C-alpha cells in the first residue's frame, strides 16, 4: 500500500472575519464563539455536535474557507493579505485537503 498526507492549496482570496482573542489562528478554518463573517463566503457548522465535532463552549461555531479562500482579520488586513496571498496552506475544504491518495501495488 502507498498513501500520503493530505495536501495543501494556494490561497488567493481573503475573507474578512472578526473573532475574539480565543479564536484559533489558522488561515483556513476558525473555531470559536462570536465569529462574525459573511456566511455566504464560507462553510459554517453552527452545531458542531451534529457532525461529531467538539463544542468548546455553548456558542462555538466552526467556519471553513473553501476553494482558494483564506481568513483575514480587519486589523492589519492589508498586511496579512499581502503576506499570505499566493502561499500554500493546510486546512479548509478543498479536494487537495480532503482527498487522501491511496494505491495498492501488486508485484508482477
C-alpha atoms as a PDB file:
ATOM      1  CA  UNK A   1       0.000   0.000   0.000  1.00  0.00           C
ATOM      2  CA  UNK A   2       1.095   3.528  -0.683  1.00  0.00           C
ATOM      3  CA  UNK A   3      -0.514   6.675   0.686  1.00  0.00           C
ATOM      4  CA  UNK A   4       0.361  10.229   1.681  1.00  0.00           C
ATOM      5  CA  UNK A   5      -0.760  13.026   3.936  1.00  0.00           C
ATOM      6  CA  UNK A   6      -3.453  15.380   2.719  1.00  0.00           C
ATOM      7  CA  UNK A   7      -2.317  18.241   0.537  1.00  0.00           C
ATOM      8  CA  UNK A   8      -2.196  21.982   0.676  1.00  0.00           C
ATOM      9  CA  UNK A   9      -3.689  24.673  -1.504  1.00  0.00           C
ATOM     10  CA  UNK A  10      -2.546  28.043  -2.817  1.00  0.00           C
ATOM     11  CA  UNK A  11      -4.711  30.674  -1.158  1.00  0.00           C
ATOM     12  CA  UNK A  12      -5.675  33.743  -3.164  1.00  0.00           C
ATOM     13  CA  UNK A  13      -8.934  35.297  -1.953  1.00  0.00           C
ATOM     14  CA  UNK A  14      -9.259  36.801   1.537  1.00  0.00           C
ATOM     15  CA  UNK A  15     -12.466  36.674   3.565  1.00  0.00           C
ATOM     16  CA  UNK A  16     -12.825  39.206   6.386  1.00  0.00           C
ATOM     17  CA  UNK A  17     -13.576  37.630   9.745  1.00  0.00           C
ATOM     18  CA  UNK A  18     -13.898  39.004  13.259  1.00  0.00           C
ATOM     19  CA  UNK A  19     -13.284  36.790  16.281  1.00  0.00           C
ATOM     20  CA  UNK A  20     -12.407  37.153  19.932  1.00  0.00           C
ATOM     21  CA  UNK A  21      -8.957  36.508  21.411  1.00  0.00           C
ATOM     22  CA  UNK A  22      -9.791  32.816  21.964  1.00  0.00           C
ATOM     23  CA  UNK A  23     -10.299  32.164  18.221  1.00  0.00           C
ATOM     24  CA  UNK A  24      -7.630  29.951  16.656  1.00  0.00           C
ATOM     25  CA  UNK A  25      -5.098  31.469  14.251  1.00  0.00           C
ATOM     26  CA  UNK A  26      -5.413  29.092  11.265  1.00  0.00           C
ATOM     27  CA  UNK A  27      -5.936  30.846   7.937  1.00  0.00           C
ATOM     28  CA  UNK A  28      -8.298  28.207   6.500  1.00  0.00           C
ATOM     29  CA  UNK A  29     -10.615  27.378   9.395  1.00  0.00           C
ATOM     30  CA  UNK A  30     -11.794  29.094  12.550  1.00  0.00           C
ATOM     31  CA  UNK A  31     -13.254  27.701  15.754  1.00  0.00           C
ATOM     32  CA  UNK A  32     -14.698  29.949  18.396  1.00  0.00           C
ATOM     33  CA  UNK A  33     -17.565  31.981  19.699  1.00  0.00           C
ATOM     34  CA  UNK A  34     -18.637  35.409  18.479  1.00  0.00           C
ATOM     35  CA  UNK A  35     -17.282  34.784  14.974  1.00  0.00           C
ATOM     36  CA  UNK A  36     -18.503  37.396  12.518  1.00  0.00           C
ATOM     37  CA  UNK A  37     -18.156  36.739   8.786  1.00  0.00           C
ATOM     38  CA  UNK A  38     -20.242  36.863   5.621  1.00  0.00           C
ATOM     39  CA  UNK A  39     -21.586  33.308   5.918  1.00  0.00           C
ATOM     40  CA  UNK A  40     -22.241  33.171   2.150  1.00  0.00           C
ATOM     41  CA  UNK A  41     -18.461  33.103   1.609  1.00  0.00           C
ATOM     42  CA  UNK A  42     -17.611  30.191   3.932  1.00  0.00           C
ATOM     43  CA  UNK A  43     -18.849  26.795   5.116  1.00  0.00           C
ATOM     44  CA  UNK A  44     -20.324  27.174   8.606  1.00  0.00           C
ATOM     45  CA  UNK A  45     -21.026  24.487  11.179  1.00  0.00           C
ATOM     46  CA  UNK A  46     -23.215  26.172  13.783  1.00  0.00           C
ATOM     47  CA  UNK A  47     -23.969  22.982  15.748  1.00  0.00           C
ATOM     48  CA  UNK A  48     -20.696  21.046  15.975  1.00  0.00           C
ATOM     49  CA  UNK A  49     -22.176  18.147  17.944  1.00  0.00           C
ATOM     50  CA  UNK A  50     -24.436  17.302  14.971  1.00  0.00           C
ATOM     51  CA  UNK A  51     -21.355  16.409  12.902  1.00  0.00           C
ATOM     52  CA  UNK A  52     -19.392  14.890  15.796  1.00  0.00           C
ATOM     53  CA  UNK A  53     -17.059  17.836  16.320  1.00  0.00           C
ATOM     54  CA  UNK A  54     -16.253  19.008  19.838  1.00  0.00           C
ATOM     55  CA  UNK A  55     -18.120  22.036  21.149  1.00  0.00           C
ATOM     56  CA  UNK A  56     -15.686  24.267  23.018  1.00  0.00           C
ATOM     57  CA  UNK A  57     -18.488  26.267  24.623  1.00  0.00           C
ATOM     58  CA  UNK A  58     -22.218  26.780  24.228  1.00  0.00           C
ATOM     59  CA  UNK A  59     -21.878  29.214  21.292  1.00  0.00           C
ATOM     60  CA  UNK A  60     -18.909  27.673  19.463  1.00  0.00           C
ATOM     61  CA  UNK A  61     -19.023  27.569  15.665  1.00  0.00           C
ATOM     62  CA  UNK A  62     -16.674  26.158  13.060  1.00  0.00           C
ATOM     63  CA  UNK A  63     -16.012  28.102   9.880  1.00  0.00           C
ATOM     64  CA  UNK A  64     -14.127  26.650   6.938  1.00  0.00           C
ATOM     65  CA  UNK A  65     -12.718  28.510   3.963  1.00  0.00           C
ATOM     66  CA  UNK A  66     -13.246  26.640   0.722  1.00  0.00           C
ATOM     67  CA  UNK A  67     -11.590  26.786  -2.666  1.00  0.00           C
ATOM     68  CA  UNK A  68      -8.730  29.283  -2.631  1.00  0.00           C
ATOM     69  CA  UNK A  69     -10.160  31.489   0.141  1.00  0.00           C
ATOM     70  CA  UNK A  70      -8.483  32.337   3.448  1.00  0.00           C
ATOM     71  CA  UNK A  71      -9.448  34.270   6.551  1.00  0.00           C
ATOM     72  CA  UNK A  72      -8.026  37.685   7.408  1.00  0.00           C
ATOM     73  CA  UNK A  73      -8.839  39.910  10.369  1.00  0.00           C
ATOM     74  CA  UNK A  74      -9.757  43.571   9.776  1.00  0.00           C
ATOM     75  CA  UNK A  75      -6.871  44.866  11.903  1.00  0.00           C
ATOM     76  CA  UNK A  76      -3.767  44.944   9.688  1.00  0.00           C
ATOM     77  CA  UNK A  77      -5.927  43.456   6.923  1.00  0.00           C
ATOM     78  CA  UNK A  78      -3.791  44.623   4.000  1.00  0.00           C
ATOM     79  CA  UNK A  79      -0.561  43.477   5.664  1.00  0.00           C
ATOM     80  CA  UNK A  80      -1.854  39.936   6.247  1.00  0.00           C
ATOM     81  CA  UNK A  81      -3.484  39.678   2.825  1.00  0.00           C
ATOM     82  CA  UNK A  82      -0.244  40.712   1.110  1.00  0.00           C
ATOM     83  CA  UNK A  83       1.816  38.435   3.376  1.00  0.00           C
ATOM     84  CA  UNK A  84      -0.266  35.260   2.896  1.00  0.00           C
ATOM     85  CA  UNK A  85      -1.828  35.663  -0.552  1.00  0.00           C
ATOM     86  CA  UNK A  86      -0.416  33.093  -3.020  1.00  0.00           C
ATOM     87  CA  UNK A  87       1.100  30.938  -0.262  1.00  0.00           C
ATOM     88  CA  UNK A  88       0.357  27.247   0.235  1.00  0.00           C
ATOM     89  CA  UNK A  89      -1.663  26.415   3.352  1.00  0.00           C
ATOM     90  CA  UNK A  90      -3.288  23.431   5.064  1.00  0.00           C
ATOM     91  CA  UNK A  91      -6.865  23.327   6.292  1.00  0.00           C
ATOM     92  CA  UNK A  92     -10.202  24.345   4.916  1.00  0.00           C
ATOM     93  CA  UNK A  93     -12.278  22.486   2.379  1.00  0.00           C
ATOM     94  CA  UNK A  94     -10.710  21.662  -0.972  1.00  0.00           C
ATOM     95  CA  UNK A  95     -10.114  18.480  -2.973  1.00  0.00           C
ATOM     96  CA  UNK A  96      -6.430  18.694  -2.116  1.00  0.00           C
ATOM     97  CA  UNK A  97      -7.249  18.876   1.566  1.00  0.00           C
ATOM     98  CA  UNK A  98      -9.998  16.295   1.973  1.00  0.00           C
ATOM     99  CA  UNK A  99      -8.979  13.580  -0.511  1.00  0.00           C
ATOM    100  CA  UNK A 100      -6.139  11.294   0.516  1.00  0.00           C
ATOM    101  CA  UNK A 101      -4.399   9.381  -2.288  1.00  0.00           C
ATOM    102  CA  UNK A 102      -4.224   5.644  -1.713  1.00  0.00           C
ATOM    103  CA  UNK A 103      -2.926   2.946  -4.032  1.00  0.00           C
ATOM    104  CA  UNK A 104      -2.467  -0.805  -3.784  1.00  0.00           C
ATOM    105  CA  UNK A 105       0.612  -2.087  -5.602  1.00  0.00           C
ATOM    106  CA  UNK A 106       0.930  -5.735  -6.609  1.00  0.00           C
ATOM    107  CA  UNK A 107       4.210  -7.261  -7.824  1.00  0.00           C
ATOM    108  CA  UNK A 108       4.262  -8.860 -11.276  1.00  0.00           C
END
